[in-house]
């Protein structure tokens, strides 16, 4: 068994040790393995673990707030769409009523002219 040439201790959130107020697990790796471990969620110091954990909490809160904001914008948009549909329906009904009244007026006018012509004969 060959020893490590440049041993480095890495940390991640865990339960084994309480270091600087952070519960962490530890692993000792050789320097050529450090990048792989960092990519897998390990950190160089317990303080890095704490900052990551706090940042993760802040990120989660920010993401939750963003989702809530999107939900509220969606609700507002749906209400605006419903109000616009109702307004469009009112305008369409008013248009149809105006057209119906005008057709009746034209028909009555034509009927009156026709009655007037029959009376002249």
N, C-alpha and C. Protein backbone atom coordinates (compact mmCIF):
# COMPACT_ATOMS: atom_id res chain seq x y z
N UNK A 1 0.84 -1.17 0.00
CA UNK A 1 0.00 0.00 0.00
C UNK A 1 0.89 1.24 0.00
N UNK A 2 0.57 2.14 -0.89
CA UNK A 2 1.38 3.34 -1.04
C UNK A 2 0.69 4.51 -0.33
N UNK A 3 1.44 5.34 0.38
CA UNK A 3 0.89 6.48 1.11
C UNK A 3 0.56 7.64 0.18
N UNK A 4 -0.13 8.60 0.75
CA UNK A 4 -0.50 9.79 -0.02
C UNK A 4 0.71 10.72 -0.11
N UNK A 5 0.91 11.30 -1.30
CA UNK A 5 2.04 12.21 -1.46
C UNK A 5 1.75 13.58 -0.87
N UNK A 6 0.55 14.06 -1.09
CA UNK A 6 0.18 15.37 -0.55
C UNK A 6 -1.25 15.25 -0.03
N UNK A 7 -1.39 14.77 1.19
CA UNK A 7 -2.71 14.50 1.79
C UNK A 7 -3.44 15.81 2.08
N UNK A 8 -4.73 15.82 1.75
CA UNK A 8 -5.57 16.99 1.99
C UNK A 8 -6.88 16.51 2.58
N UNK A 9 -7.32 17.16 3.66
CA UNK A 9 -8.62 16.81 4.25
C UNK A 9 -9.69 17.69 3.62
N UNK A 10 -10.79 17.06 3.24
CA UNK A 10 -11.94 17.77 2.68
C UNK A 10 -13.14 17.54 3.58
N UNK A 11 -14.15 18.40 3.45
CA UNK A 11 -15.30 18.40 4.35
C UNK A 11 -16.60 18.49 3.54
N UNK A 12 -17.65 17.90 4.11
CA UNK A 12 -19.00 18.11 3.57
C UNK A 12 -19.98 18.03 4.72
N UNK A 13 -21.18 18.57 4.51
CA UNK A 13 -22.20 18.55 5.56
C UNK A 13 -22.44 17.11 5.94
N UNK A 14 -22.43 16.86 7.24
CA UNK A 14 -22.59 15.50 7.71
C UNK A 14 -22.90 15.44 9.18
N UNK A 15 -22.44 14.35 9.84
CA UNK A 15 -22.78 14.13 11.25
C UNK A 15 -21.60 13.68 12.10
N UNK A 16 -20.46 13.39 11.51
CA UNK A 16 -19.34 12.81 12.25
C UNK A 16 -18.65 13.77 13.20
N UNK A 17 -18.36 14.98 12.75
CA UNK A 17 -17.56 15.91 13.54
C UNK A 17 -18.25 17.27 13.60
N UNK A 18 -18.05 17.95 14.74
CA UNK A 18 -18.51 19.33 14.88
C UNK A 18 -17.26 20.21 14.89
N UNK A 19 -17.04 20.91 13.78
CA UNK A 19 -15.85 21.75 13.64
C UNK A 19 -16.31 23.16 13.30
N UNK A 20 -15.87 24.13 14.08
CA UNK A 20 -16.23 25.54 13.89
C UNK A 20 -17.75 25.72 13.82
N UNK A 21 -18.46 24.95 14.63
CA UNK A 21 -19.91 25.09 14.70
C UNK A 21 -20.66 24.45 13.52
N UNK A 22 -19.95 23.63 12.76
CA UNK A 22 -20.57 22.99 11.59
C UNK A 22 -20.41 21.48 11.71
N UNK A 23 -21.51 20.74 11.57
CA UNK A 23 -21.41 19.28 11.57
C UNK A 23 -20.97 18.83 10.18
N UNK A 24 -19.85 18.10 10.13
CA UNK A 24 -19.27 17.70 8.85
C UNK A 24 -18.80 16.26 8.88
N UNK A 25 -18.69 15.70 7.70
CA UNK A 25 -17.96 14.46 7.48
C UNK A 25 -16.64 14.86 6.85
N UNK A 26 -15.63 14.03 7.02
CA UNK A 26 -14.32 14.35 6.47
C UNK A 26 -13.80 13.20 5.63
N UNK A 27 -12.88 13.55 4.74
CA UNK A 27 -12.19 12.55 3.95
C UNK A 27 -10.78 13.09 3.68
N UNK A 28 -9.81 12.20 3.65
CA UNK A 28 -8.45 12.60 3.32
C UNK A 28 -8.15 12.05 1.93
N UNK A 29 -7.73 12.94 1.03
CA UNK A 29 -7.46 12.54 -0.36
C UNK A 29 -6.09 13.07 -0.78
N UNK A 30 -5.57 12.51 -1.84
CA UNK A 30 -4.33 13.01 -2.41
C UNK A 30 -4.65 14.22 -3.29
N UNK A 31 -3.68 15.06 -3.52
CA UNK A 31 -3.92 16.32 -4.24
C UNK A 31 -4.53 16.12 -5.62
N UNK A 32 -4.21 15.03 -6.32
CA UNK A 32 -4.75 14.83 -7.66
C UNK A 32 -6.24 14.46 -7.63
N UNK A 33 -6.76 14.10 -6.45
CA UNK A 33 -8.18 13.73 -6.32
C UNK A 33 -9.07 14.90 -5.88
N UNK A 34 -8.46 15.99 -5.49
CA UNK A 34 -9.22 17.10 -4.90
C UNK A 34 -10.33 17.60 -5.82
N UNK A 35 -10.03 17.86 -7.09
CA UNK A 35 -11.04 18.40 -8.00
C UNK A 35 -12.25 17.48 -8.15
N UNK A 36 -12.00 16.17 -8.19
CA UNK A 36 -13.11 15.22 -8.30
C UNK A 36 -13.99 15.29 -7.06
N UNK A 37 -13.39 15.36 -5.89
CA UNK A 37 -14.16 15.44 -4.66
C UNK A 37 -14.91 16.76 -4.55
N UNK A 38 -14.27 17.85 -4.95
CA UNK A 38 -14.95 19.15 -4.92
C UNK A 38 -16.17 19.13 -5.84
N UNK A 39 -16.02 18.49 -6.99
CA UNK A 39 -17.14 18.38 -7.93
C UNK A 39 -18.28 17.54 -7.36
N UNK A 40 -17.94 16.64 -6.43
CA UNK A 40 -18.96 15.78 -5.80
C UNK A 40 -19.57 16.40 -4.55
N UNK A 41 -19.26 17.67 -4.27
CA UNK A 41 -19.89 18.35 -3.15
C UNK A 41 -19.06 18.47 -1.89
N UNK A 42 -17.81 18.07 -1.94
CA UNK A 42 -16.91 18.26 -0.80
C UNK A 42 -16.36 19.68 -0.85
N UNK A 43 -15.86 20.15 0.31
CA UNK A 43 -15.34 21.51 0.42
C UNK A 43 -13.97 21.48 1.07
N UNK A 44 -13.21 22.55 0.86
CA UNK A 44 -11.85 22.63 1.40
C UNK A 44 -11.81 22.91 2.90
N UNK A 45 -12.82 23.61 3.43
CA UNK A 45 -12.83 23.95 4.86
C UNK A 45 -14.25 23.81 5.41
N UNK A 46 -14.37 23.65 6.74
CA UNK A 46 -15.71 23.64 7.34
C UNK A 46 -16.44 24.96 7.10
N UNK A 47 -15.70 26.06 7.05
CA UNK A 47 -16.31 27.36 6.79
C UNK A 47 -16.94 27.38 5.39
N UNK A 48 -16.28 26.75 4.43
CA UNK A 48 -16.85 26.65 3.08
C UNK A 48 -18.17 25.87 3.11
N UNK A 49 -18.21 24.82 3.95
CA UNK A 49 -19.45 24.04 4.09
C UNK A 49 -20.56 24.93 4.63
N UNK A 50 -20.23 25.71 5.67
CA UNK A 50 -21.22 26.60 6.28
C UNK A 50 -21.71 27.64 5.28
N UNK A 51 -20.79 28.24 4.53
CA UNK A 51 -21.18 29.24 3.53
C UNK A 51 -22.04 28.60 2.45
N UNK A 52 -21.68 27.40 2.03
CA UNK A 52 -22.48 26.69 1.02
C UNK A 52 -23.88 26.42 1.56
N UNK A 53 -23.94 25.97 2.82
CA UNK A 53 -25.23 25.66 3.42
C UNK A 53 -26.09 26.91 3.54
N UNK A 54 -25.51 28.00 4.00
CA UNK A 54 -26.24 29.27 4.12
C UNK A 54 -26.65 29.77 2.75
N UNK A 55 -25.74 29.70 1.80
CA UNK A 55 -26.06 30.12 0.43
C UNK A 55 -27.16 29.27 -0.15
N UNK A 56 -27.15 27.99 0.14
CA UNK A 56 -28.19 27.10 -0.35
C UNK A 56 -29.55 27.46 0.22
N UNK A 57 -29.56 27.83 1.51
CA UNK A 57 -30.80 28.25 2.14
C UNK A 57 -31.31 29.53 1.52
N UNK A 58 -30.38 30.47 1.30
CA UNK A 58 -30.77 31.73 0.67
C UNK A 58 -31.26 31.49 -0.75
N UNK A 59 -30.55 30.61 -1.48
CA UNK A 59 -30.97 30.29 -2.85
C UNK A 59 -32.35 29.67 -2.86
N UNK A 60 -32.59 28.75 -1.94
CA UNK A 60 -33.90 28.09 -1.88
C UNK A 60 -35.00 29.11 -1.58
N UNK A 61 -34.72 30.03 -0.65
CA UNK A 61 -35.70 31.07 -0.32
C UNK A 61 -35.94 31.98 -1.53
N UNK A 62 -34.87 32.32 -2.24
CA UNK A 62 -35.01 33.17 -3.42
C UNK A 62 -35.80 32.45 -4.51
N UNK A 63 -35.53 31.17 -4.70
CA UNK A 63 -36.27 30.39 -5.70
C UNK A 63 -37.74 30.29 -5.32
N UNK A 64 -38.01 30.08 -4.04
CA UNK A 64 -39.39 30.00 -3.57
C UNK A 64 -40.11 31.33 -3.79
N UNK A 65 -39.42 32.43 -3.50
CA UNK A 65 -40.01 33.75 -3.71
C UNK A 65 -40.27 33.99 -5.20
N UNK A 66 -39.33 33.54 -6.03
CA UNK A 66 -39.52 33.69 -7.47
C UNK A 66 -40.72 32.89 -7.95
N UNK A 67 -40.87 31.67 -7.45
CA UNK A 67 -42.03 30.85 -7.83
C UNK A 67 -43.33 31.50 -7.36
N UNK A 68 -43.34 32.02 -6.15
CA UNK A 68 -44.54 32.68 -5.62
C UNK A 68 -44.89 33.91 -6.45
N UNK A 69 -43.87 34.67 -6.84
CA UNK A 69 -44.09 35.85 -7.66
C UNK A 69 -44.66 35.46 -9.02
N UNK A 70 -44.12 34.39 -9.61
CA UNK A 70 -44.63 33.91 -10.90
C UNK A 70 -46.08 33.47 -10.77
N UNK A 71 -46.39 32.80 -9.66
CA UNK A 71 -47.76 32.35 -9.42
C UNK A 71 -48.70 33.55 -9.33
N UNK A 72 -48.28 34.58 -8.58
CA UNK A 72 -49.11 35.78 -8.45
C UNK A 72 -49.29 36.49 -9.78
N UNK A 73 -48.22 36.54 -10.60
CA UNK A 73 -48.35 37.16 -11.93
C UNK A 73 -49.30 36.35 -12.80
N UNK A 74 -49.26 35.03 -12.68
CA UNK A 74 -50.18 34.18 -13.43
C UNK A 74 -51.62 34.41 -13.02
N UNK A 75 -51.86 34.53 -11.73
CA UNK A 75 -53.21 34.80 -11.23
C UNK A 75 -53.70 36.14 -11.77
N UNK A 76 -52.83 37.16 -11.68
CA UNK A 76 -53.20 38.49 -12.20
C UNK A 76 -53.53 38.42 -13.68
N UNK A 77 -52.68 37.71 -14.44
CA UNK A 77 -52.88 37.61 -15.89
C UNK A 77 -54.20 36.90 -16.20
N UNK A 78 -54.51 35.84 -15.47
CA UNK A 78 -55.76 35.11 -15.69
C UNK A 78 -56.97 35.99 -15.39
N UNK A 79 -56.88 36.78 -14.32
CA UNK A 79 -57.99 37.68 -13.98
C UNK A 79 -58.15 38.76 -15.04
N UNK A 80 -57.03 39.29 -15.52
CA UNK A 80 -57.09 40.31 -16.58
C UNK A 80 -57.68 39.74 -17.86
N UNK A 81 -57.29 38.50 -18.19
CA UNK A 81 -57.85 37.85 -19.38
C UNK A 81 -59.35 37.65 -19.24
N UNK A 82 -59.79 37.22 -18.06
CA UNK A 82 -61.23 37.00 -17.83
C UNK A 82 -61.98 38.33 -17.93
N UNK A 83 -61.43 39.39 -17.36
CA UNK A 83 -62.07 40.70 -17.44
C UNK A 83 -62.12 41.19 -18.89
N UNK A 84 -61.06 40.94 -19.65
CA UNK A 84 -61.03 41.35 -21.06
C UNK A 84 -62.06 40.56 -21.88
N UNK A 85 -62.18 39.25 -21.60
CA UNK A 85 -63.19 38.44 -22.30
C UNK A 85 -64.59 38.95 -22.00
N UNK A 86 -64.84 39.30 -20.75
CA UNK A 86 -66.15 39.82 -20.37
C UNK A 86 -66.42 41.15 -21.08
N UNK A 87 -65.42 42.02 -21.10
CA UNK A 87 -65.56 43.31 -21.78
C UNK A 87 -65.80 43.11 -23.27
N UNK A 88 -65.04 42.18 -23.88
CA UNK A 88 -65.22 41.88 -25.31
C UNK A 88 -66.63 41.37 -25.58
N UNK A 89 -67.15 40.55 -24.68
CA UNK A 89 -68.51 40.03 -24.84
C UNK A 89 -69.53 41.16 -24.74
N UNK A 90 -69.32 42.09 -23.81
CA UNK A 90 -70.21 43.24 -23.68
C UNK A 90 -70.18 44.10 -24.94
N UNK A 91 -68.99 44.32 -25.48
CA UNK A 91 -68.87 45.11 -26.71
C UNK A 91 -69.54 44.41 -27.89
N UNK A 92 -69.35 43.08 -27.99
CA UNK A 92 -69.99 42.33 -29.07
C UNK A 92 -71.51 42.39 -28.95
N UNK A 93 -72.02 42.25 -27.73
CA UNK A 93 -73.47 42.32 -27.52
C UNK A 93 -74.00 43.71 -27.86
N UNK A 94 -73.27 44.75 -27.47
CA UNK A 94 -73.69 46.12 -27.79
C UNK A 94 -73.67 46.35 -29.30
N UNK A 95 -72.65 45.83 -29.97
CA UNK A 95 -72.56 45.95 -31.42
C UNK A 95 -73.75 45.27 -32.09
N UNK A 96 -74.04 44.04 -31.67
CA UNK A 96 -75.16 43.29 -32.25
C UNK A 96 -76.49 44.00 -31.99
N UNK A 97 -76.64 44.55 -30.78
CA UNK A 97 -77.88 45.27 -30.45
C UNK A 97 -78.01 46.51 -31.33
N UNK A 98 -76.92 47.24 -31.50
CA UNK A 98 -76.94 48.42 -32.37
C UNK A 98 -77.27 48.04 -33.81
N UNK A 99 -76.68 46.96 -34.31
CA UNK A 99 -76.94 46.52 -35.68
C UNK A 99 -78.40 46.08 -35.83
N UNK A 100 -78.93 45.36 -34.83
CA UNK A 100 -80.33 44.92 -34.87
C UNK A 100 -81.27 46.12 -34.91
N UNK A 101 -81.00 47.10 -34.05
CA UNK A 101 -81.86 48.29 -34.02
C UNK A 101 -81.81 49.04 -35.35
N UNK A 102 -80.62 49.14 -35.93
CA UNK A 102 -80.49 49.84 -37.22
C UNK A 102 -81.23 49.08 -38.33
N UNK A 103 -81.14 47.74 -38.33
CA UNK A 103 -81.86 46.95 -39.34
C UNK A 103 -83.37 47.15 -39.18
N UNK A 104 -83.83 47.16 -37.93
CA UNK A 104 -85.27 47.39 -37.70
C UNK A 104 -85.68 48.77 -38.17
N UNK A 105 -84.84 49.78 -37.92
CA UNK A 105 -85.15 51.14 -38.35
C UNK A 105 -85.22 51.20 -39.87
N UNK A 106 -84.24 50.57 -40.53
CA UNK A 106 -84.22 50.57 -42.00
C UNK A 106 -85.45 49.84 -42.54
N UNK A 107 -85.80 48.70 -41.92
CA UNK A 107 -86.97 47.95 -42.36
C UNK A 107 -88.25 48.77 -42.15
N UNK A 108 -88.34 49.45 -41.03
CA UNK A 108 -89.52 50.27 -40.76
C UNK A 108 -89.60 51.43 -41.74
N UNK A 109 -88.46 52.02 -42.04
CA UNK A 109 -88.40 53.13 -43.00
C UNK A 109 -88.83 52.63 -44.39
N UNK A 110 -88.33 51.47 -44.78
CA UNK A 110 -88.69 50.90 -46.09
C UNK A 110 -90.18 50.55 -46.12
N UNK A 111 -90.67 50.05 -45.02
CA UNK A 111 -92.08 49.69 -44.93
C UNK A 111 -92.95 50.94 -45.03
N UNK A 112 -92.52 52.01 -44.38
CA UNK A 112 -93.27 53.26 -44.42
C UNK A 112 -93.27 53.83 -45.84
N UNK A 113 -92.15 53.73 -46.54
CA UNK A 113 -92.08 54.20 -47.93
C UNK A 113 -93.00 53.36 -48.81
N UNK A 114 -92.98 52.04 -48.56
CA UNK A 114 -93.85 51.16 -49.33
C UNK A 114 -95.31 51.45 -49.09
N UNK A 115 -95.69 51.75 -47.87
CA UNK A 115 -97.07 52.08 -47.55
C UNK A 115 -97.44 53.41 -48.16
N UNK A 116 -96.48 54.31 -48.21
CA UNK A 116 -96.73 55.61 -48.82
C UNK A 116 -96.95 55.50 -50.32
N UNK A 117 -96.22 54.61 -50.99
CA UNK A 117 -96.38 54.42 -52.43
C UNK A 117 -97.72 53.78 -52.74
N UNK A 118 -98.18 52.85 -51.90
CA UNK A 118 -99.48 52.19 -52.11
C UNK A 118 -100.59 53.21 -51.93
N UNK A 119 -100.42 54.13 -51.00
CA UNK A 119 -101.44 55.15 -50.74
C UNK A 119 -101.52 56.11 -51.94
N UNK A 120 -100.41 56.37 -52.60
CA UNK A 120 -100.39 57.28 -53.75
C UNK A 120 -101.14 56.66 -54.94
N UNK A 121 -101.14 55.40 -55.07
CA UNK A 121 -101.76 54.73 -56.22
C UNK A 121 -103.21 54.75 -56.10
